[in-house]
N, C-alpha and C. Protein backbone atom coordinates (compact mmCIF):
# COMPACT_ATOMS: atom_id res chain seq x y z
N MET A 1 86.08 94.92 126.18
CA MET A 1 86.78 94.26 125.10
C MET A 1 87.76 95.22 124.43
N ILE A 2 87.36 96.46 124.19
CA ILE A 2 88.24 97.44 123.54
C ILE A 2 89.50 97.63 124.37
N GLU A 3 89.33 97.72 125.70
CA GLU A 3 90.50 97.94 126.56
C GLU A 3 91.51 96.80 126.44
N ASN A 4 91.04 95.58 126.16
CA ASN A 4 91.95 94.45 125.95
C ASN A 4 92.80 94.65 124.71
N TYR A 5 92.19 95.12 123.64
CA TYR A 5 92.94 95.38 122.41
C TYR A 5 93.95 96.49 122.62
N ILE A 6 93.54 97.55 123.30
CA ILE A 6 94.44 98.68 123.54
C ILE A 6 95.60 98.24 124.43
N ALA A 7 95.31 97.43 125.44
CA ALA A 7 96.36 96.96 126.35
C ALA A 7 97.39 96.10 125.62
N ARG A 8 96.96 95.36 124.62
CA ARG A 8 97.87 94.48 123.88
C ARG A 8 98.58 95.19 122.73
N LEU A 9 98.15 96.39 122.41
CA LEU A 9 98.70 97.12 121.28
C LEU A 9 100.22 97.32 121.34
N PRO A 10 100.80 97.73 122.49
CA PRO A 10 102.26 97.91 122.52
C PRO A 10 103.03 96.64 122.16
N GLY A 11 102.64 95.51 122.70
CA GLY A 11 103.34 94.27 122.40
C GLY A 11 103.26 93.88 120.93
N VAL A 12 102.08 94.06 120.35
CA VAL A 12 101.90 93.72 118.93
C VAL A 12 102.70 94.67 118.05
N LEU A 13 102.69 95.96 118.38
CA LEU A 13 103.47 96.94 117.61
C LEU A 13 104.96 96.65 117.72
N HIS A 14 105.45 96.47 118.93
CA HIS A 14 106.89 96.30 119.13
C HIS A 14 107.42 95.02 118.49
N ALA A 15 106.55 94.04 118.29
CA ALA A 15 106.95 92.80 117.60
C ALA A 15 107.02 92.99 116.08
N ASN A 16 106.47 94.08 115.60
CA ASN A 16 106.45 94.36 114.16
C ASN A 16 107.56 95.37 113.84
N GLU A 17 108.78 94.87 113.64
CA GLU A 17 109.94 95.74 113.43
C GLU A 17 109.77 96.66 112.23
N GLN A 18 109.14 96.17 111.19
CA GLN A 18 108.95 96.97 109.99
C GLN A 18 108.06 98.18 110.27
N LEU A 19 107.01 97.99 111.03
CA LEU A 19 106.11 99.09 111.36
C LEU A 19 106.79 100.07 112.31
N VAL A 20 107.52 99.57 113.29
CA VAL A 20 108.26 100.46 114.20
C VAL A 20 109.24 101.31 113.40
N ARG A 21 109.92 100.69 112.46
CA ARG A 21 110.87 101.43 111.62
C ARG A 21 110.16 102.52 110.81
N ARG A 22 108.98 102.20 110.29
CA ARG A 22 108.21 103.17 109.51
C ARG A 22 107.86 104.40 110.35
N GLY A 23 107.64 104.21 111.64
CA GLY A 23 107.25 105.33 112.49
C GLY A 23 108.39 105.93 113.30
N ARG A 24 109.61 105.60 112.95
CA ARG A 24 110.76 105.99 113.79
C ARG A 24 110.96 107.49 113.94
N TYR A 25 110.39 108.30 113.05
CA TYR A 25 110.55 109.75 113.17
C TYR A 25 109.37 110.41 113.87
N LEU A 26 108.44 109.62 114.36
CA LEU A 26 107.24 110.17 115.01
C LEU A 26 107.32 110.01 116.52
N SER A 27 107.23 111.13 117.20
CA SER A 27 107.11 111.15 118.66
C SER A 27 106.00 112.13 118.99
N THR A 28 104.90 111.61 119.49
CA THR A 28 103.73 112.44 119.79
C THR A 28 102.80 111.66 120.71
N THR A 29 101.79 112.34 121.19
CA THR A 29 100.70 111.68 121.93
C THR A 29 99.41 111.98 121.19
N PHE A 30 98.64 110.93 120.91
CA PHE A 30 97.34 111.14 120.29
C PHE A 30 96.27 110.46 121.12
N LEU A 31 95.05 110.92 120.92
CA LEU A 31 93.89 110.40 121.64
C LEU A 31 93.13 109.46 120.73
N LEU A 32 92.94 108.24 121.18
CA LEU A 32 92.04 107.31 120.53
C LEU A 32 90.86 107.17 121.49
N GLN A 33 89.70 107.62 121.06
CA GLN A 33 88.53 107.60 121.94
C GLN A 33 87.53 106.59 121.42
N SER A 34 87.07 105.73 122.32
CA SER A 34 86.07 104.72 122.01
C SER A 34 84.84 105.04 122.85
N GLY A 35 83.80 105.56 122.20
CA GLY A 35 82.64 106.03 122.96
C GLY A 35 83.10 107.19 123.82
N SER A 36 82.91 107.07 125.13
CA SER A 36 83.37 108.12 126.05
C SER A 36 84.68 107.73 126.74
N ASP A 37 85.27 106.61 126.34
CA ASP A 37 86.51 106.12 126.97
C ASP A 37 87.73 106.64 126.22
N PRO A 38 88.55 107.48 126.87
CA PRO A 38 89.75 107.99 126.20
C PRO A 38 90.97 107.10 126.44
N TYR A 39 91.79 106.96 125.41
CA TYR A 39 93.07 106.25 125.49
C TYR A 39 94.12 107.18 124.90
N TYR A 40 95.04 107.64 125.73
CA TYR A 40 96.11 108.54 125.30
C TYR A 40 97.32 107.68 124.95
N ILE A 41 97.67 107.63 123.69
CA ILE A 41 98.76 106.78 123.22
C ILE A 41 99.97 107.65 122.92
N SER A 42 101.02 107.48 123.71
CA SER A 42 102.25 108.25 123.53
C SER A 42 103.24 107.43 122.72
N LEU A 43 103.68 108.00 121.62
CA LEU A 43 104.63 107.35 120.73
C LEU A 43 105.99 108.03 120.84
N ARG A 44 107.05 107.25 120.90
CA ARG A 44 108.41 107.76 120.89
C ARG A 44 109.20 106.94 119.89
N GLN A 45 109.61 107.60 118.82
CA GLN A 45 110.41 106.97 117.76
C GLN A 45 109.76 105.68 117.25
N GLY A 46 108.46 105.75 117.03
CA GLY A 46 107.74 104.63 116.43
C GLY A 46 107.28 103.56 117.39
N LYS A 47 107.64 103.67 118.66
CA LYS A 47 107.21 102.70 119.66
C LYS A 47 106.22 103.34 120.61
N ILE A 48 105.33 102.53 121.17
CA ILE A 48 104.40 103.04 122.17
C ILE A 48 105.14 103.16 123.48
N HIS A 49 105.26 104.38 123.94
CA HIS A 49 105.96 104.68 125.19
C HIS A 49 105.03 104.51 126.38
N GLU A 50 103.76 104.89 126.19
CA GLU A 50 102.79 104.84 127.28
C GLU A 50 101.38 104.84 126.72
N VAL A 51 100.49 104.15 127.39
CA VAL A 51 99.06 104.23 127.11
C VAL A 51 98.38 104.62 128.41
N ALA A 52 97.80 105.81 128.44
CA ALA A 52 97.08 106.28 129.62
C ALA A 52 95.59 106.17 129.33
N THR A 53 94.86 105.59 130.27
CA THR A 53 93.42 105.40 130.07
C THR A 53 92.64 106.24 131.06
N GLY A 54 91.38 106.43 130.74
CA GLY A 54 90.50 107.18 131.63
C GLY A 54 90.76 108.67 131.54
N PRO A 55 89.91 109.44 132.20
CA PRO A 55 90.07 110.89 132.18
C PRO A 55 91.42 111.30 132.76
N GLN A 56 92.12 112.16 132.06
CA GLN A 56 93.43 112.66 132.49
C GLN A 56 93.32 114.18 132.56
N LEU A 57 93.43 114.72 133.73
CA LEU A 57 93.34 116.16 133.90
C LEU A 57 94.47 116.85 133.15
N LEU A 58 94.12 117.71 132.23
CA LEU A 58 95.07 118.50 131.45
C LEU A 58 96.02 117.66 130.60
N LYS A 59 95.63 116.47 130.23
CA LYS A 59 96.46 115.63 129.35
C LYS A 59 96.34 116.16 127.93
N SER A 60 97.46 116.50 127.33
CA SER A 60 97.42 117.06 125.98
C SER A 60 97.61 115.96 124.93
N TRP A 61 97.12 116.22 123.74
CA TRP A 61 97.28 115.32 122.62
C TRP A 61 97.42 116.15 121.36
N THR A 62 98.05 115.58 120.35
CA THR A 62 98.28 116.28 119.09
C THR A 62 97.08 116.16 118.17
N PHE A 63 96.58 114.96 118.01
CA PHE A 63 95.38 114.73 117.21
C PHE A 63 94.54 113.66 117.88
N ALA A 64 93.27 113.60 117.50
CA ALA A 64 92.35 112.64 118.12
C ALA A 64 91.61 111.86 117.05
N LEU A 65 91.44 110.58 117.31
CA LEU A 65 90.63 109.70 116.47
C LEU A 65 89.51 109.19 117.37
N LYS A 66 88.28 109.59 117.07
CA LYS A 66 87.15 109.27 117.94
C LYS A 66 86.08 108.50 117.17
N ALA A 67 85.58 107.44 117.81
CA ALA A 67 84.50 106.64 117.23
C ALA A 67 83.80 105.90 118.36
N SER A 68 82.65 105.33 118.07
CA SER A 68 81.92 104.55 119.06
C SER A 68 82.62 103.20 119.26
N HIS A 69 82.24 102.51 120.34
CA HIS A 69 82.78 101.16 120.58
C HIS A 69 82.50 100.26 119.38
N ASN A 70 81.26 100.27 118.92
CA ASN A 70 80.88 99.41 117.80
C ASN A 70 81.63 99.75 116.52
N ALA A 71 81.89 101.05 116.31
CA ALA A 71 82.64 101.46 115.12
C ALA A 71 84.06 100.89 115.15
N TRP A 72 84.72 100.97 116.32
CA TRP A 72 86.08 100.41 116.41
C TRP A 72 86.05 98.89 116.22
N LEU A 73 85.05 98.23 116.78
CA LEU A 73 84.97 96.78 116.62
C LEU A 73 84.77 96.39 115.15
N LYS A 74 83.97 97.16 114.42
CA LYS A 74 83.80 96.90 112.99
C LYS A 74 85.09 97.18 112.23
N HIS A 75 85.77 98.26 112.61
CA HIS A 75 87.05 98.62 111.97
C HIS A 75 88.08 97.51 112.17
N TRP A 76 88.03 96.84 113.31
CA TRP A 76 89.02 95.82 113.66
C TRP A 76 88.65 94.41 113.20
N LEU A 77 87.53 94.26 112.50
CA LEU A 77 87.24 92.96 111.91
C LEU A 77 88.37 92.58 110.95
N LEU A 78 88.63 91.29 110.80
CA LEU A 78 89.68 90.85 109.89
C LEU A 78 89.43 91.39 108.48
N TYR A 79 88.18 91.35 108.04
CA TYR A 79 87.78 91.92 106.75
C TYR A 79 86.64 92.90 106.99
N PRO A 80 86.95 94.15 107.32
CA PRO A 80 85.88 95.11 107.61
C PRO A 80 85.03 95.41 106.36
N PRO A 81 83.74 95.65 106.57
CA PRO A 81 82.90 96.00 105.43
C PRO A 81 83.29 97.36 104.86
N PRO A 82 82.89 97.64 103.62
CA PRO A 82 83.20 98.94 103.03
C PRO A 82 82.73 100.08 103.93
N GLY A 83 83.58 101.07 104.07
CA GLY A 83 83.29 102.22 104.93
C GLY A 83 83.87 102.08 106.32
N TRP A 84 84.26 100.89 106.69
CA TRP A 84 84.78 100.63 108.03
C TRP A 84 86.27 100.27 108.01
N GLN A 85 86.86 100.15 106.84
CA GLN A 85 88.22 99.65 106.70
C GLN A 85 89.28 100.70 106.98
N ASP A 86 88.90 101.95 107.09
CA ASP A 86 89.87 103.05 107.14
C ASP A 86 89.30 104.18 107.98
N ILE A 87 90.17 104.88 108.72
CA ILE A 87 89.67 105.95 109.58
C ILE A 87 89.03 107.09 108.79
N PHE A 88 89.54 107.36 107.58
CA PHE A 88 88.94 108.42 106.77
C PHE A 88 87.61 107.95 106.17
N ALA A 89 87.50 106.69 105.83
CA ALA A 89 86.22 106.15 105.35
C ALA A 89 85.19 106.20 106.47
N MET A 90 85.62 105.88 107.69
CA MET A 90 84.70 105.94 108.83
C MET A 90 84.23 107.37 109.07
N GLU A 91 85.14 108.33 108.89
CA GLU A 91 84.72 109.73 109.04
C GLU A 91 83.74 110.12 107.94
N LYS A 92 83.99 109.67 106.74
CA LYS A 92 83.13 110.01 105.61
C LYS A 92 81.70 109.52 105.81
N ILE A 93 81.53 108.33 106.43
CA ILE A 93 80.17 107.82 106.65
C ILE A 93 79.60 108.30 107.99
N GLY A 94 80.32 109.18 108.68
CA GLY A 94 79.82 109.76 109.92
C GLY A 94 80.01 108.91 111.16
N GLU A 95 80.88 107.92 111.10
CA GLU A 95 81.09 107.02 112.24
C GLU A 95 82.34 107.35 113.05
N ALA A 96 83.14 108.30 112.60
CA ALA A 96 84.36 108.68 113.33
C ALA A 96 84.62 110.16 113.11
N THR A 97 85.40 110.73 114.01
CA THR A 97 85.86 112.11 113.83
C THR A 97 87.37 112.14 114.02
N ILE A 98 87.99 113.04 113.27
CA ILE A 98 89.43 113.26 113.36
C ILE A 98 89.61 114.72 113.71
N GLU A 99 90.32 114.99 114.81
CA GLU A 99 90.44 116.36 115.31
C GLU A 99 91.89 116.69 115.61
N GLY A 100 92.16 117.98 115.78
CA GLY A 100 93.46 118.43 116.24
C GLY A 100 94.41 118.80 115.11
N ASP A 101 95.70 118.73 115.41
CA ASP A 101 96.76 119.07 114.46
C ASP A 101 96.96 117.87 113.52
N LEU A 102 96.52 118.01 112.30
CA LEU A 102 96.56 116.89 111.37
C LEU A 102 97.92 116.73 110.70
N TYR A 103 98.83 117.68 110.87
CA TYR A 103 100.14 117.58 110.22
C TYR A 103 100.89 116.30 110.60
N PRO A 104 101.05 116.00 111.91
CA PRO A 104 101.75 114.74 112.25
C PRO A 104 101.01 113.50 111.76
N LEU A 105 99.69 113.55 111.77
CA LEU A 105 98.89 112.42 111.27
C LEU A 105 99.14 112.22 109.78
N MET A 106 99.01 113.29 109.01
CA MET A 106 99.16 113.17 107.56
C MET A 106 100.60 112.86 107.16
N SER A 107 101.57 113.36 107.93
CA SER A 107 102.98 113.10 107.63
C SER A 107 103.36 111.65 107.90
N ASN A 108 102.60 110.99 108.74
CA ASN A 108 102.88 109.60 109.12
C ASN A 108 101.64 108.73 108.91
N LEU A 109 100.89 109.03 107.88
CA LEU A 109 99.57 108.44 107.69
C LEU A 109 99.61 106.91 107.59
N ARG A 110 100.52 106.39 106.81
CA ARG A 110 100.55 104.92 106.66
C ARG A 110 100.86 104.26 108.00
N TYR A 111 101.81 104.82 108.74
CA TYR A 111 102.16 104.28 110.05
C TYR A 111 100.95 104.30 110.99
N ILE A 112 100.27 105.44 111.08
CA ILE A 112 99.12 105.57 111.99
C ILE A 112 98.00 104.63 111.57
N LYS A 113 97.71 104.57 110.28
CA LYS A 113 96.64 103.67 109.81
C LYS A 113 96.96 102.21 110.14
N GLU A 114 98.22 101.82 109.94
CA GLU A 114 98.60 100.44 110.24
C GLU A 114 98.62 100.19 111.74
N LEU A 115 99.03 101.17 112.52
CA LEU A 115 99.00 101.05 113.98
C LEU A 115 97.57 100.87 114.47
N ILE A 116 96.67 101.70 113.98
CA ILE A 116 95.27 101.64 114.40
C ILE A 116 94.62 100.32 113.95
N ALA A 117 95.10 99.73 112.87
CA ALA A 117 94.52 98.48 112.37
C ALA A 117 95.14 97.24 113.02
N LEU A 118 96.15 97.37 113.86
CA LEU A 118 96.82 96.21 114.45
C LEU A 118 95.87 95.24 115.19
N PRO A 119 94.81 95.70 115.85
CA PRO A 119 93.92 94.73 116.51
C PRO A 119 93.32 93.70 115.55
N ARG A 120 93.31 93.98 114.25
CA ARG A 120 92.83 92.98 113.28
C ARG A 120 93.70 91.73 113.32
N ASP A 121 94.96 91.89 113.66
CA ASP A 121 95.91 90.77 113.66
C ASP A 121 95.97 90.03 114.99
N MET A 122 95.23 90.50 115.99
CA MET A 122 95.27 89.86 117.31
C MET A 122 94.46 88.58 117.25
N LYS A 123 95.15 87.46 117.22
CA LYS A 123 94.51 86.16 117.05
C LYS A 123 93.87 85.68 118.35
N GLY A 124 92.94 84.77 118.20
CA GLY A 124 92.34 84.13 119.36
C GLY A 124 91.16 84.86 119.96
N GLU A 125 90.76 85.98 119.38
CA GLU A 125 89.61 86.71 119.91
C GLU A 125 88.68 87.05 118.75
N GLN A 126 87.41 86.87 118.96
CA GLN A 126 86.41 87.28 117.99
C GLN A 126 85.84 88.60 118.47
N HIS A 127 85.57 89.47 117.53
CA HIS A 127 84.96 90.74 117.88
C HIS A 127 84.10 91.24 116.73
N GLY A 128 83.06 91.96 117.11
CA GLY A 128 82.18 92.61 116.14
C GLY A 128 81.53 91.65 115.15
N ASN A 129 80.54 92.16 114.46
CA ASN A 129 79.89 91.41 113.38
C ASN A 129 79.94 92.20 112.12
């Protein structure tokens, strides 16, 4: 199920012109990890250039957002419960980790938070409880 959300992420992002504009100065690759499944998301000027899945030999990333499958599903609920609504809240309750060079993340925090929350807007699918 998570892979379906990740696969649809570029289309949902690119349809959101306001969010793409907000991230227009960001070009980087970050790791979004769900359980043991890695997703390398490459951003170029606010758009998703590539999503690489599975183990990638020597694939570099700037920062990583890691959580369990269930944690991401709770985060992506339309109305997540307290502690699950934000990547920093998830880290605070011990359900996520944030690693790597935090400068690009913090410099583009609103963009990254909104990008990571986009699966909440994916209609037609139920996920998590």
